[in-house]
Amino acid sequence: GNAGYDTFYGVTGSTIMAFSDLLGDHQIIFATNLLLDLKNSDYALQYYYLPHRWDFGMGGFHSARFVIVNDIYGGSLYRFRTYGAAVQALYPFDRFRRIELGMSWFSISRDNLDQSGDASQSRDVLVPSVSYTHDTSLWGLLNPVAGTRYRFDLYGTPKLGSSGLSFVNVTGDYRHYVRLGKNYTIGLRFAGGGSFGKNPQKF
C-alpha cells in the first residue's frame, strides 16, 4: 500500500490486500484507491471459495472517474461512477479446459459537479455471461514460449425498465506461440468480437 497528500485532492492512498487460509480454499481480496471521500474513490472486495472442483466467487466494486465534457454551459466537470456486484462459477474439465458462468449487476451514473441544478443520470444493467477457455501454453521466465491458448465469451443484458439497454456480445481471443531456439518466441494473436441487439456496444 501507499499513502500521500496532494494539494488538489488532499489525502490519497491505495492498498491491495489478499488473505487466504493455509490450503488456499478461501481467499479474500480487497483493493482501494482513496481520493477525497468514498464517493470519489475506487474500491473492490472479492471472496473465492475453492476447496472443490467447482470454484465460486463473489464480489462488489465502486469506481469513479472525472471528465471535462463540453456541454451547453461551455464545459463542465463530470463524475462518472460505476458500481455493482458479481457472482461467478468456474468448472475445469481437465488441466487445460474450463467453463465459466457469471452474473453481474452494474449501476452507472453521471453527475455534473459544476452545475448543481443539473440532474444526475443513471442506468442499471444485469449481465449474464458464459466463457470457455483452452490453455496449453508453456511459460518461460516472463511470458509464454510455446503452446496455444484461446477464449470465447458470450455476454449481454436484457432490457430492464424504460432506460435499460439490450445487447448481446460475442468475443474471441486466440494466441499461438512458436518457439525459435532457446531464447526466442513468435507470438501470433487473433482477436475480435461483435455486438448485436437494440443497443450494440462499441469496440
N, C-alpha and C. Protein backbone atom coordinates (compact mmCIF):
# COMPACT_ATOMS: atom_id res chain seq x y z
N GLY A 1 0.82 -1.19 0.00
CA GLY A 1 0.00 0.00 0.00
C GLY A 1 0.86 1.25 0.00
N ASN A 2 0.22 2.39 -0.26
CA ASN A 2 0.93 3.67 -0.18
C ASN A 2 -0.04 4.77 0.20
N ALA A 3 0.50 5.86 0.69
CA ALA A 3 -0.33 6.99 1.10
C ALA A 3 0.40 8.28 0.75
N GLY A 4 -0.37 9.35 0.54
CA GLY A 4 0.26 10.62 0.20
C GLY A 4 -0.71 11.77 0.39
N TYR A 5 -0.20 12.96 0.14
CA TYR A 5 -1.03 14.17 0.23
C TYR A 5 -0.81 14.98 -1.03
N ASP A 6 -1.92 15.43 -1.62
CA ASP A 6 -1.90 16.20 -2.85
C ASP A 6 -2.57 17.54 -2.58
N THR A 7 -2.00 18.63 -3.10
CA THR A 7 -2.56 19.95 -2.81
C THR A 7 -3.93 20.15 -3.44
N PHE A 8 -4.29 19.35 -4.47
CA PHE A 8 -5.61 19.47 -5.08
C PHE A 8 -6.60 18.48 -4.48
N TYR A 9 -6.20 17.18 -4.38
CA TYR A 9 -7.11 16.16 -3.91
C TYR A 9 -7.07 15.96 -2.40
N GLY A 10 -6.03 16.39 -1.75
CA GLY A 10 -5.90 16.15 -0.31
C GLY A 10 -5.25 14.80 -0.05
N VAL A 11 -5.72 14.11 0.99
CA VAL A 11 -5.13 12.82 1.36
C VAL A 11 -5.50 11.76 0.32
N THR A 12 -4.51 11.04 -0.16
CA THR A 12 -4.73 9.97 -1.13
C THR A 12 -4.01 8.72 -0.66
N GLY A 13 -4.41 7.58 -1.20
CA GLY A 13 -3.72 6.33 -0.86
C GLY A 13 -4.32 5.18 -1.61
N SER A 14 -3.53 4.15 -1.82
CA SER A 14 -4.03 2.93 -2.47
C SER A 14 -3.50 1.73 -1.71
N THR A 15 -4.32 0.68 -1.67
CA THR A 15 -3.96 -0.52 -0.93
C THR A 15 -4.54 -1.73 -1.64
N ILE A 16 -3.77 -2.80 -1.69
CA ILE A 16 -4.26 -4.10 -2.13
C ILE A 16 -3.90 -5.10 -1.05
N MET A 17 -4.91 -5.81 -0.55
CA MET A 17 -4.68 -6.81 0.49
C MET A 17 -5.31 -8.12 0.05
N ALA A 18 -4.59 -9.22 0.26
CA ALA A 18 -5.09 -10.55 -0.08
C ALA A 18 -4.91 -11.46 1.13
N PHE A 19 -5.95 -12.20 1.45
CA PHE A 19 -5.93 -13.11 2.60
C PHE A 19 -6.31 -14.50 2.12
N SER A 20 -5.71 -15.51 2.72
CA SER A 20 -6.01 -16.89 2.35
C SER A 20 -5.76 -17.79 3.55
N ASP A 21 -6.49 -18.91 3.60
CA ASP A 21 -6.15 -19.94 4.57
C ASP A 21 -4.94 -20.71 4.05
N LEU A 22 -4.43 -21.64 4.83
CA LEU A 22 -3.18 -22.32 4.51
C LEU A 22 -3.25 -23.09 3.19
N LEU A 23 -4.38 -23.73 2.89
CA LEU A 23 -4.52 -24.53 1.68
C LEU A 23 -5.05 -23.73 0.48
N GLY A 24 -5.40 -22.48 0.68
CA GLY A 24 -5.93 -21.67 -0.42
C GLY A 24 -7.37 -21.94 -0.76
N ASP A 25 -8.11 -22.59 0.16
CA ASP A 25 -9.52 -22.89 -0.12
C ASP A 25 -10.41 -21.67 -0.04
N HIS A 26 -10.04 -20.71 0.79
CA HIS A 26 -10.82 -19.48 0.97
C HIS A 26 -9.89 -18.30 0.75
N GLN A 27 -10.28 -17.42 -0.18
CA GLN A 27 -9.43 -16.27 -0.48
C GLN A 27 -10.27 -15.00 -0.47
N ILE A 28 -9.71 -13.96 0.14
CA ILE A 28 -10.36 -12.64 0.19
C ILE A 28 -9.37 -11.62 -0.36
N ILE A 29 -9.84 -10.80 -1.29
CA ILE A 29 -9.00 -9.78 -1.91
C ILE A 29 -9.71 -8.43 -1.77
N PHE A 30 -9.00 -7.45 -1.24
CA PHE A 30 -9.54 -6.10 -1.08
C PHE A 30 -8.59 -5.11 -1.72
N ALA A 31 -9.12 -4.23 -2.55
CA ALA A 31 -8.32 -3.21 -3.22
C ALA A 31 -9.02 -1.87 -3.10
N THR A 32 -8.24 -0.82 -2.89
CA THR A 32 -8.83 0.51 -2.78
C THR A 32 -7.85 1.56 -3.26
N ASN A 33 -8.41 2.62 -3.80
CA ASN A 33 -7.65 3.80 -4.20
C ASN A 33 -8.43 5.00 -3.68
N LEU A 34 -8.08 5.47 -2.49
CA LEU A 34 -8.86 6.52 -1.83
C LEU A 34 -8.52 7.88 -2.39
N LEU A 35 -9.58 8.68 -2.63
CA LEU A 35 -9.43 10.01 -3.20
C LEU A 35 -10.57 10.89 -2.67
N LEU A 36 -10.27 11.87 -1.90
CA LEU A 36 -11.24 12.79 -1.30
C LEU A 36 -12.15 12.07 -0.31
N ASP A 37 -13.10 11.26 -0.81
CA ASP A 37 -14.02 10.52 0.05
C ASP A 37 -14.46 9.25 -0.68
N LEU A 38 -15.34 8.47 -0.06
CA LEU A 38 -15.74 7.19 -0.64
C LEU A 38 -16.48 7.35 -1.96
N LYS A 39 -17.21 8.46 -2.13
CA LYS A 39 -17.98 8.66 -3.35
C LYS A 39 -17.08 8.91 -4.55
N ASN A 40 -15.86 9.35 -4.31
CA ASN A 40 -14.94 9.68 -5.39
C ASN A 40 -13.78 8.70 -5.50
N SER A 41 -13.85 7.59 -4.80
CA SER A 41 -12.74 6.65 -4.73
C SER A 41 -13.06 5.34 -5.43
N ASP A 42 -12.03 4.53 -5.61
CA ASP A 42 -12.17 3.19 -6.17
C ASP A 42 -11.94 2.18 -5.05
N TYR A 43 -12.78 1.15 -5.00
CA TYR A 43 -12.57 0.07 -4.05
C TYR A 43 -13.33 -1.17 -4.53
N ALA A 44 -12.80 -2.32 -4.14
CA ALA A 44 -13.40 -3.59 -4.54
C ALA A 44 -13.10 -4.64 -3.49
N LEU A 45 -14.04 -5.56 -3.30
CA LEU A 45 -13.88 -6.66 -2.36
C LEU A 45 -14.35 -7.94 -3.03
N GLN A 46 -13.51 -9.00 -3.00
CA GLN A 46 -13.83 -10.27 -3.64
C GLN A 46 -13.59 -11.42 -2.67
N TYR A 47 -14.41 -12.45 -2.78
CA TYR A 47 -14.24 -13.67 -2.00
C TYR A 47 -14.32 -14.87 -2.93
N TYR A 48 -13.39 -15.82 -2.77
CA TYR A 48 -13.36 -17.03 -3.59
C TYR A 48 -13.43 -18.26 -2.70
N TYR A 49 -14.28 -19.20 -3.09
CA TYR A 49 -14.46 -20.47 -2.39
C TYR A 49 -13.92 -21.57 -3.30
N LEU A 50 -12.78 -22.20 -2.94
CA LEU A 50 -12.04 -23.02 -3.88
C LEU A 50 -11.72 -24.45 -3.43
N PRO A 51 -12.38 -25.03 -2.42
CA PRO A 51 -11.95 -26.36 -1.98
C PRO A 51 -12.37 -27.51 -2.88
N HIS A 52 -13.34 -27.32 -3.77
CA HIS A 52 -13.85 -28.41 -4.59
C HIS A 52 -13.57 -28.14 -6.06
N ARG A 53 -14.01 -29.04 -6.91
CA ARG A 53 -13.76 -28.88 -8.35
C ARG A 53 -14.47 -27.64 -8.90
N TRP A 54 -15.69 -27.42 -8.49
CA TRP A 54 -16.37 -26.17 -8.84
C TRP A 54 -15.76 -25.06 -8.00
N ASP A 55 -15.33 -23.98 -8.62
CA ASP A 55 -14.85 -22.80 -7.92
C ASP A 55 -15.93 -21.72 -7.97
N PHE A 56 -16.13 -21.04 -6.84
CA PHE A 56 -17.14 -19.99 -6.76
C PHE A 56 -16.50 -18.69 -6.29
N GLY A 57 -17.03 -17.59 -6.78
CA GLY A 57 -16.55 -16.29 -6.36
C GLY A 57 -17.67 -15.29 -6.33
N MET A 58 -17.50 -14.27 -5.51
CA MET A 58 -18.45 -13.17 -5.44
C MET A 58 -17.71 -11.90 -5.04
N GLY A 59 -18.29 -10.78 -5.39
CA GLY A 59 -17.62 -9.53 -5.04
C GLY A 59 -18.43 -8.32 -5.41
N GLY A 60 -17.93 -7.17 -4.99
CA GLY A 60 -18.54 -5.89 -5.30
C GLY A 60 -17.46 -4.86 -5.53
N PHE A 61 -17.82 -3.78 -6.23
CA PHE A 61 -16.82 -2.76 -6.55
C PHE A 61 -17.48 -1.40 -6.72
N HIS A 62 -16.67 -0.37 -6.68
CA HIS A 62 -17.08 1.01 -6.95
C HIS A 62 -15.90 1.72 -7.59
N SER A 63 -16.15 2.47 -8.65
CA SER A 63 -15.09 3.27 -9.26
C SER A 63 -15.67 4.62 -9.67
N ALA A 64 -14.83 5.63 -9.67
CA ALA A 64 -15.23 6.99 -10.04
C ALA A 64 -14.18 7.58 -10.97
N ARG A 65 -14.64 8.24 -12.03
CA ARG A 65 -13.74 8.90 -12.98
C ARG A 65 -14.25 10.31 -13.23
N PHE A 66 -13.32 11.23 -13.48
CA PHE A 66 -13.66 12.63 -13.69
C PHE A 66 -13.27 13.03 -15.11
N VAL A 67 -14.23 13.65 -15.82
CA VAL A 67 -14.02 14.02 -17.21
C VAL A 67 -14.61 15.41 -17.43
N ILE A 68 -13.88 16.24 -18.16
CA ILE A 68 -14.43 17.54 -18.57
C ILE A 68 -15.15 17.34 -19.90
N VAL A 69 -16.43 17.68 -19.93
CA VAL A 69 -17.27 17.48 -21.11
C VAL A 69 -17.78 18.83 -21.57
N ASN A 70 -17.65 19.09 -22.87
CA ASN A 70 -18.21 20.31 -23.45
C ASN A 70 -19.71 20.14 -23.56
N ASP A 71 -20.46 21.06 -22.97
CA ASP A 71 -21.91 20.97 -22.98
C ASP A 71 -22.50 22.36 -23.17
N ILE A 72 -23.78 22.52 -22.86
CA ILE A 72 -24.45 23.80 -23.08
C ILE A 72 -23.88 24.91 -22.19
N TYR A 73 -23.17 24.53 -21.14
CA TYR A 73 -22.57 25.52 -20.24
C TYR A 73 -21.16 25.89 -20.69
N GLY A 74 -20.67 25.32 -21.75
CA GLY A 74 -19.33 25.60 -22.25
C GLY A 74 -18.36 24.48 -21.94
N GLY A 75 -18.40 23.98 -20.75
CA GLY A 75 -17.51 22.90 -20.34
C GLY A 75 -17.68 22.66 -18.86
N SER A 76 -17.99 21.45 -18.47
CA SER A 76 -18.25 21.13 -17.07
C SER A 76 -17.48 19.89 -16.67
N LEU A 77 -17.18 19.81 -15.38
CA LEU A 77 -16.52 18.64 -14.83
C LEU A 77 -17.58 17.64 -14.41
N TYR A 78 -17.52 16.45 -14.99
CA TYR A 78 -18.48 15.39 -14.69
C TYR A 78 -17.79 14.27 -13.91
N ARG A 79 -18.56 13.67 -13.02
CA ARG A 79 -18.10 12.47 -12.32
C ARG A 79 -18.92 11.29 -12.83
N PHE A 80 -18.23 10.29 -13.35
CA PHE A 80 -18.86 9.05 -13.80
C PHE A 80 -18.58 7.99 -12.75
N ARG A 81 -19.64 7.44 -12.16
CA ARG A 81 -19.49 6.39 -11.14
C ARG A 81 -20.04 5.07 -11.68
N THR A 82 -19.28 4.02 -11.46
CA THR A 82 -19.73 2.67 -11.80
C THR A 82 -19.58 1.81 -10.56
N TYR A 83 -20.65 1.15 -10.18
CA TYR A 83 -20.56 0.25 -9.04
C TYR A 83 -21.49 -0.93 -9.29
N GLY A 84 -21.20 -2.03 -8.60
CA GLY A 84 -22.00 -3.21 -8.83
C GLY A 84 -21.49 -4.40 -8.05
N ALA A 85 -22.02 -5.56 -8.42
CA ALA A 85 -21.68 -6.80 -7.75
C ALA A 85 -21.72 -7.93 -8.77
N ALA A 86 -21.02 -9.01 -8.47
CA ALA A 86 -20.95 -10.12 -9.41
C ALA A 86 -20.77 -11.43 -8.66
N VAL A 87 -21.30 -12.50 -9.27
CA VAL A 87 -21.05 -13.86 -8.79
C VAL A 87 -20.58 -14.66 -10.00
N GLN A 88 -19.71 -15.65 -9.74
CA GLN A 88 -19.23 -16.47 -10.84
C GLN A 88 -18.94 -17.89 -10.35
N ALA A 89 -18.98 -18.81 -11.29
CA ALA A 89 -18.67 -20.21 -11.03
C ALA A 89 -17.78 -20.71 -12.16
N LEU A 90 -16.73 -21.45 -11.81
CA LEU A 90 -15.79 -21.98 -12.79
C LEU A 90 -15.70 -23.50 -12.63
N TYR A 91 -15.72 -24.20 -13.75
CA TYR A 91 -15.61 -25.65 -13.71
C TYR A 91 -14.53 -26.09 -14.68
N PRO A 92 -13.45 -26.71 -14.18
CA PRO A 92 -12.41 -27.22 -15.09
C PRO A 92 -12.76 -28.63 -15.57
N PHE A 93 -12.75 -28.82 -16.89
CA PHE A 93 -12.94 -30.15 -17.45
C PHE A 93 -11.69 -31.00 -17.24
N ASP A 94 -10.52 -30.37 -17.36
CA ASP A 94 -9.23 -31.00 -17.11
C ASP A 94 -8.22 -29.89 -16.86
N ARG A 95 -6.94 -30.20 -16.97
CA ARG A 95 -5.91 -29.20 -16.69
C ARG A 95 -5.92 -28.05 -17.69
N PHE A 96 -6.49 -28.27 -18.87
CA PHE A 96 -6.33 -27.30 -19.95
C PHE A 96 -7.62 -26.62 -20.39
N ARG A 97 -8.77 -27.09 -19.92
CA ARG A 97 -10.04 -26.54 -20.40
C ARG A 97 -10.97 -26.25 -19.23
N ARG A 98 -11.68 -25.12 -19.30
CA ARG A 98 -12.64 -24.80 -18.25
C ARG A 98 -13.77 -23.96 -18.83
N ILE A 99 -14.89 -23.96 -18.11
CA ILE A 99 -16.03 -23.11 -18.46
C ILE A 99 -16.31 -22.20 -17.28
N GLU A 100 -16.74 -20.98 -17.57
CA GLU A 100 -17.04 -20.00 -16.53
C GLU A 100 -18.45 -19.46 -16.74
N LEU A 101 -19.20 -19.37 -15.67
CA LEU A 101 -20.55 -18.81 -15.69
C LEU A 101 -20.57 -17.61 -14.74
N GLY A 102 -21.23 -16.55 -15.14
CA GLY A 102 -21.25 -15.37 -14.29
C GLY A 102 -22.54 -14.59 -14.41
N MET A 103 -22.79 -13.79 -13.38
CA MET A 103 -23.91 -12.86 -13.37
C MET A 103 -23.43 -11.58 -12.67
N SER A 104 -23.54 -10.46 -13.39
CA SER A 104 -23.06 -9.18 -12.86
C SER A 104 -24.17 -8.15 -12.90
N TRP A 105 -24.16 -7.27 -11.91
CA TRP A 105 -25.07 -6.13 -11.90
C TRP A 105 -24.22 -4.87 -11.86
N PHE A 106 -24.49 -3.95 -12.79
CA PHE A 106 -23.76 -2.69 -12.86
C PHE A 106 -24.74 -1.53 -12.74
N SER A 107 -24.35 -0.52 -11.99
CA SER A 107 -25.09 0.74 -11.94
C SER A 107 -24.13 1.85 -12.35
N ILE A 108 -24.54 2.63 -13.32
CA ILE A 108 -23.69 3.68 -13.88
C ILE A 108 -24.40 5.01 -13.71
N SER A 109 -23.68 6.01 -13.19
CA SER A 109 -24.30 7.32 -13.01
C SER A 109 -23.35 8.42 -13.48
N ARG A 110 -23.95 9.56 -13.87
CA ARG A 110 -23.19 10.72 -14.32
C ARG A 110 -23.70 11.95 -13.59
N ASP A 111 -22.78 12.69 -12.96
CA ASP A 111 -23.13 13.89 -12.20
C ASP A 111 -22.31 15.07 -12.71
N ASN A 112 -22.97 16.19 -12.93
CA ASN A 112 -22.29 17.43 -13.29
C ASN A 112 -21.87 18.12 -12.00
N LEU A 113 -20.57 18.20 -11.74
CA LEU A 113 -20.07 18.77 -10.49
C LEU A 113 -20.01 20.30 -10.53
N ASP A 114 -20.10 20.90 -11.73
CA ASP A 114 -20.05 22.36 -11.84
C ASP A 114 -21.43 23.01 -11.82
N GLN A 115 -22.46 22.25 -12.17
CA GLN A 115 -23.82 22.78 -12.22
C GLN A 115 -24.68 21.97 -11.25
N SER A 116 -24.91 22.53 -10.07
CA SER A 116 -25.64 21.78 -9.03
C SER A 116 -27.08 21.49 -9.43
N GLY A 117 -27.66 22.28 -10.31
CA GLY A 117 -29.04 22.05 -10.72
C GLY A 117 -29.20 20.99 -11.79
N ASP A 118 -28.09 20.55 -12.37
CA ASP A 118 -28.14 19.55 -13.43
C ASP A 118 -28.45 18.19 -12.80
N ALA A 119 -29.52 17.55 -13.25
CA ALA A 119 -29.96 16.29 -12.66
C ALA A 119 -28.96 15.17 -12.97
N SER A 120 -28.80 14.29 -12.01
CA SER A 120 -27.94 13.13 -12.19
C SER A 120 -28.61 12.13 -13.13
N GLN A 121 -27.83 11.48 -13.97
CA GLN A 121 -28.34 10.45 -14.86
C GLN A 121 -27.78 9.11 -14.42
N SER A 122 -28.59 8.06 -14.48
CA SER A 122 -28.12 6.74 -14.06
C SER A 122 -28.78 5.66 -14.91
N ARG A 123 -28.15 4.49 -14.90
CA ARG A 123 -28.66 3.36 -15.66
C ARG A 123 -28.18 2.09 -14.98
N ASP A 124 -29.04 1.07 -14.93
CA ASP A 124 -28.71 -0.22 -14.33
C ASP A 124 -28.77 -1.30 -15.40
N VAL A 125 -27.82 -2.23 -15.34
CA VAL A 125 -27.83 -3.36 -16.27
C VAL A 125 -27.48 -4.65 -15.51
N LEU A 126 -28.09 -5.72 -15.94
CA LEU A 126 -27.83 -7.06 -15.42
C LEU A 126 -27.20 -7.86 -16.56
N VAL A 127 -26.00 -8.40 -16.33
CA VAL A 127 -25.22 -9.00 -17.41
C VAL A 127 -24.87 -10.46 -17.09
N PRO A 128 -25.61 -11.44 -17.63
CA PRO A 128 -25.18 -12.84 -17.53
C PRO A 128 -24.08 -13.12 -18.55
N SER A 129 -23.21 -14.09 -18.25
CA SER A 129 -22.11 -14.38 -19.16
C SER A 129 -21.73 -15.85 -19.08
N VAL A 130 -21.14 -16.35 -20.17
CA VAL A 130 -20.58 -17.70 -20.20
C VAL A 130 -19.30 -17.62 -21.03
N SER A 131 -18.25 -18.32 -20.56
CA SER A 131 -16.95 -18.27 -21.23
C SER A 131 -16.35 -19.67 -21.29
N TYR A 132 -15.57 -19.91 -22.33
CA TYR A 132 -14.84 -21.17 -22.47
C TYR A 132 -13.38 -20.84 -22.70
N THR A 133 -12.49 -21.50 -21.95
CA THR A 133 -11.05 -21.25 -22.04
C THR A 133 -10.31 -22.55 -22.29
N HIS A 134 -9.37 -22.51 -23.23
CA HIS A 134 -8.47 -23.62 -23.51
C HIS A 134 -7.05 -23.07 -23.44
N ASP A 135 -6.17 -23.71 -22.66
CA ASP A 135 -4.84 -23.16 -22.44
C ASP A 135 -3.81 -24.29 -22.31
N THR A 136 -2.98 -24.46 -23.33
CA THR A 136 -1.87 -25.42 -23.28
C THR A 136 -0.54 -24.69 -23.41
N SER A 137 -0.50 -23.40 -23.08
CA SER A 137 0.72 -22.62 -23.22
C SER A 137 1.74 -23.02 -22.17
N LEU A 138 3.00 -22.94 -22.55
CA LEU A 138 4.12 -23.23 -21.66
C LEU A 138 4.85 -21.92 -21.38
N TRP A 139 4.96 -21.57 -20.11
CA TRP A 139 5.52 -20.28 -19.75
C TRP A 139 7.02 -20.37 -19.53
N GLY A 140 7.71 -19.31 -19.97
CA GLY A 140 9.11 -19.12 -19.65
C GLY A 140 9.21 -18.21 -18.44
N LEU A 141 10.29 -17.45 -18.36
CA LEU A 141 10.50 -16.57 -17.21
C LEU A 141 9.48 -15.45 -17.14
N LEU A 142 9.16 -14.83 -18.28
CA LEU A 142 8.28 -13.66 -18.29
C LEU A 142 7.03 -13.84 -19.14
N ASN A 143 7.01 -14.78 -20.04
CA ASN A 143 5.91 -14.87 -20.99
C ASN A 143 5.80 -16.29 -21.53
N PRO A 144 4.67 -16.61 -22.20
CA PRO A 144 4.56 -17.94 -22.82
C PRO A 144 5.61 -18.11 -23.92
N VAL A 145 6.16 -19.31 -24.03
CA VAL A 145 7.19 -19.58 -25.03
C VAL A 145 6.75 -20.64 -26.04
N ALA A 146 5.66 -21.36 -25.75
CA ALA A 146 5.17 -22.37 -26.67
C ALA A 146 3.72 -22.69 -26.31
N GLY A 147 3.02 -23.33 -27.24
CA GLY A 147 1.65 -23.76 -26.96
C GLY A 147 0.60 -22.83 -27.53
N THR A 148 -0.65 -23.10 -27.14
CA THR A 148 -1.80 -22.38 -27.67
C THR A 148 -2.77 -22.08 -26.53
N ARG A 149 -3.40 -20.94 -26.59
CA ARG A 149 -4.50 -20.65 -25.66
C ARG A 149 -5.54 -19.79 -26.37
N TYR A 150 -6.80 -20.07 -26.06
CA TYR A 150 -7.87 -19.27 -26.64
C TYR A 150 -9.05 -19.21 -25.68
N ARG A 151 -9.88 -18.20 -25.89
CA ARG A 151 -11.03 -17.96 -25.02
C ARG A 151 -12.16 -17.36 -25.85
N PHE A 152 -13.37 -17.84 -25.57
CA PHE A 152 -14.57 -17.30 -26.21
C PHE A 152 -15.53 -16.85 -25.12
N ASP A 153 -16.12 -15.68 -25.30
CA ASP A 153 -17.05 -15.10 -24.31
C ASP A 153 -18.37 -14.77 -24.99
N LEU A 154 -19.45 -15.04 -24.27
CA LEU A 154 -20.79 -14.66 -24.69
C LEU A 154 -21.46 -13.98 -23.51
N TYR A 155 -21.84 -12.71 -23.66
CA TYR A 155 -22.47 -11.99 -22.57
C TYR A 155 -23.38 -10.91 -23.13
N GLY A 156 -24.33 -10.47 -22.32
CA GLY A 156 -25.27 -9.46 -22.77
C GLY A 156 -26.19 -9.07 -21.64
N THR A 157 -27.21 -8.32 -21.98
CA THR A 157 -28.15 -7.86 -20.96
C THR A 157 -29.55 -7.76 -21.54
N PRO A 158 -30.54 -8.20 -20.80
CA PRO A 158 -31.92 -7.93 -21.21
C PRO A 158 -32.31 -6.52 -20.80
N LYS A 159 -33.25 -5.93 -21.50
CA LYS A 159 -33.67 -4.57 -21.19
C LYS A 159 -34.45 -4.56 -19.88
N LEU A 160 -33.99 -3.73 -18.93
CA LEU A 160 -34.65 -3.58 -17.64
C LEU A 160 -35.17 -2.17 -17.51
N GLY A 161 -36.49 -1.98 -17.50
CA GLY A 161 -37.07 -0.65 -17.37
C GLY A 161 -37.02 0.13 -18.67
N SER A 162 -37.54 1.33 -18.63
CA SER A 162 -37.63 2.14 -19.84
C SER A 162 -36.28 2.65 -20.31
N SER A 163 -35.31 2.80 -19.38
CA SER A 163 -34.00 3.32 -19.76
C SER A 163 -32.96 2.22 -19.87
N GLY A 164 -33.39 0.96 -19.88
CA GLY A 164 -32.46 -0.16 -19.91
C GLY A 164 -31.83 -0.36 -21.28
N LEU A 165 -30.79 -1.16 -21.31
CA LEU A 165 -30.09 -1.49 -22.53
C LEU A 165 -30.41 -2.94 -22.92
N SER A 166 -30.21 -3.24 -24.19
CA SER A 166 -30.42 -4.60 -24.67
C SER A 166 -29.36 -4.90 -25.73
N PHE A 167 -28.47 -5.85 -25.43
CA PHE A 167 -27.43 -6.23 -26.39
C PHE A 167 -26.89 -7.61 -26.04
N VAL A 168 -26.24 -8.23 -27.03
CA VAL A 168 -25.52 -9.49 -26.85
C VAL A 168 -24.16 -9.32 -27.50
N ASN A 169 -23.09 -9.63 -26.76
CA ASN A 169 -21.73 -9.52 -27.27
C ASN A 169 -21.11 -10.90 -27.38
N VAL A 170 -20.35 -11.10 -28.45
CA VAL A 170 -19.56 -12.31 -28.66
C VAL A 170 -18.12 -11.88 -28.91
N THR A 171 -17.17 -12.41 -28.14
CA THR A 171 -15.76 -12.06 -28.33
C THR A 171 -14.92 -13.33 -28.33
N GLY A 172 -13.80 -13.26 -29.00
CA GLY A 172 -12.87 -14.38 -29.05
C GLY A 172 -11.44 -13.88 -29.06
N ASP A 173 -10.54 -14.67 -28.48
CA ASP A 173 -9.12 -14.32 -28.41
C ASP A 173 -8.31 -15.61 -28.57
N TYR A 174 -7.51 -15.69 -29.64
CA TYR A 174 -6.72 -16.88 -29.94
C TYR A 174 -5.25 -16.49 -29.99
N ARG A 175 -4.39 -17.25 -29.28
CA ARG A 175 -2.95 -16.96 -29.25
C ARG A 175 -2.17 -18.26 -29.43
N HIS A 176 -1.17 -18.19 -30.31
CA HIS A 176 -0.31 -19.35 -30.56
C HIS A 176 1.14 -18.90 -30.48
N TYR A 177 1.96 -19.68 -29.78
CA TYR A 177 3.35 -19.32 -29.54
C TYR A 177 4.25 -20.36 -30.20
N VAL A 178 5.19 -19.88 -31.02
CA VAL A 178 6.12 -20.73 -31.75
C VAL A 178 7.51 -20.47 -31.20
N ARG A 179 8.14 -21.50 -30.66
CA ARG A 179 9.47 -21.35 -30.08
C ARG A 179 10.53 -21.43 -31.16
N LEU A 180 11.42 -20.46 -31.20
CA LEU A 180 12.54 -20.42 -32.15
C LEU A 180 13.84 -20.49 -31.36
N GLY A 181 14.32 -21.69 -31.15
CA GLY A 181 15.55 -21.83 -30.39
C GLY A 181 15.31 -21.62 -28.90
N LYS A 182 16.37 -21.33 -28.18
CA LYS A 182 16.31 -21.24 -26.73
C LYS A 182 15.75 -19.92 -26.22
N ASN A 183 16.04 -18.83 -26.93
CA ASN A 183 15.74 -17.51 -26.37
C ASN A 183 14.70 -16.71 -27.14
N TYR A 184 14.08 -17.29 -28.17
CA TYR A 184 13.16 -16.50 -28.99
C TYR A 184 11.84 -17.23 -29.19
N THR A 185 10.77 -16.46 -29.19
CA THR A 185 9.43 -16.99 -29.43
C THR A 185 8.66 -16.00 -30.29
N ILE A 186 7.90 -16.51 -31.24
CA ILE A 186 6.99 -15.67 -32.01
C ILE A 186 5.58 -15.93 -31.48
N GLY A 187 4.88 -14.87 -31.16
CA GLY A 187 3.51 -14.97 -30.70
C GLY A 187 2.54 -14.47 -31.76
N LEU A 188 1.56 -15.30 -32.10
CA LEU A 188 0.54 -14.92 -33.06
C LEU A 188 -0.78 -14.77 -32.32
N ARG A 189 -1.49 -13.67 -32.58
CA ARG A 189 -2.74 -13.42 -31.86
C ARG A 189 -3.82 -12.97 -32.84
N PHE A 190 -5.00 -13.55 -32.69
CA PHE A 190 -6.18 -13.14 -33.43
C PHE A 190 -7.28 -12.87 -32.41
N ALA A 191 -7.87 -11.69 -32.47
CA ALA A 191 -8.92 -11.34 -31.52
C ALA A 191 -9.99 -10.53 -32.23
N GLY A 192 -11.22 -10.70 -31.77
CA GLY A 192 -12.30 -9.94 -32.38
C GLY A 192 -13.59 -10.16 -31.63
N GLY A 193 -14.60 -9.43 -32.06
CA GLY A 193 -15.88 -9.55 -31.40
C GLY A 193 -16.96 -8.82 -32.16
N GLY A 194 -18.18 -9.04 -31.73
CA GLY A 194 -19.31 -8.36 -32.33
C GLY A 194 -20.38 -8.11 -31.29
N SER A 195 -21.18 -7.09 -31.53
CA SER A 195 -22.26 -6.74 -30.61
C SER A 195 -23.55 -6.62 -31.39
N PHE A 196 -24.60 -7.20 -30.84
CA PHE A 196 -25.88 -7.28 -31.55
C PHE A 196 -27.00 -6.87 -30.60
N GLY A 197 -28.12 -6.44 -31.15
CA GLY A 197 -29.26 -6.06 -30.35
C GLY A 197 -29.65 -4.61 -30.57
N LYS A 198 -30.59 -4.09 -29.77
CA LYS A 198 -31.09 -2.72 -29.92
C LYS A 198 -30.05 -1.70 -29.54
N ASN A 199 -29.14 -2.03 -28.60
CA ASN A 199 -28.11 -1.09 -28.16
C ASN A 199 -26.73 -1.74 -28.29
N PRO A 200 -26.27 -1.99 -29.50
CA PRO A 200 -24.97 -2.65 -29.65
C PRO A 200 -23.84 -1.81 -29.04
N GLN A 201 -22.89 -2.50 -28.43
CA GLN A 201 -21.77 -1.82 -27.79
C GLN A 201 -20.68 -1.53 -28.81
N LYS A 202 -19.89 -0.48 -28.52
CA LYS A 202 -18.80 -0.08 -29.42
C LYS A 202 -17.53 -0.77 -28.98
N PHE A 203 -16.76 -1.26 -29.97
CA PHE A 203 -15.47 -1.90 -29.71
C PHE A 203 -14.37 -0.95 -30.17
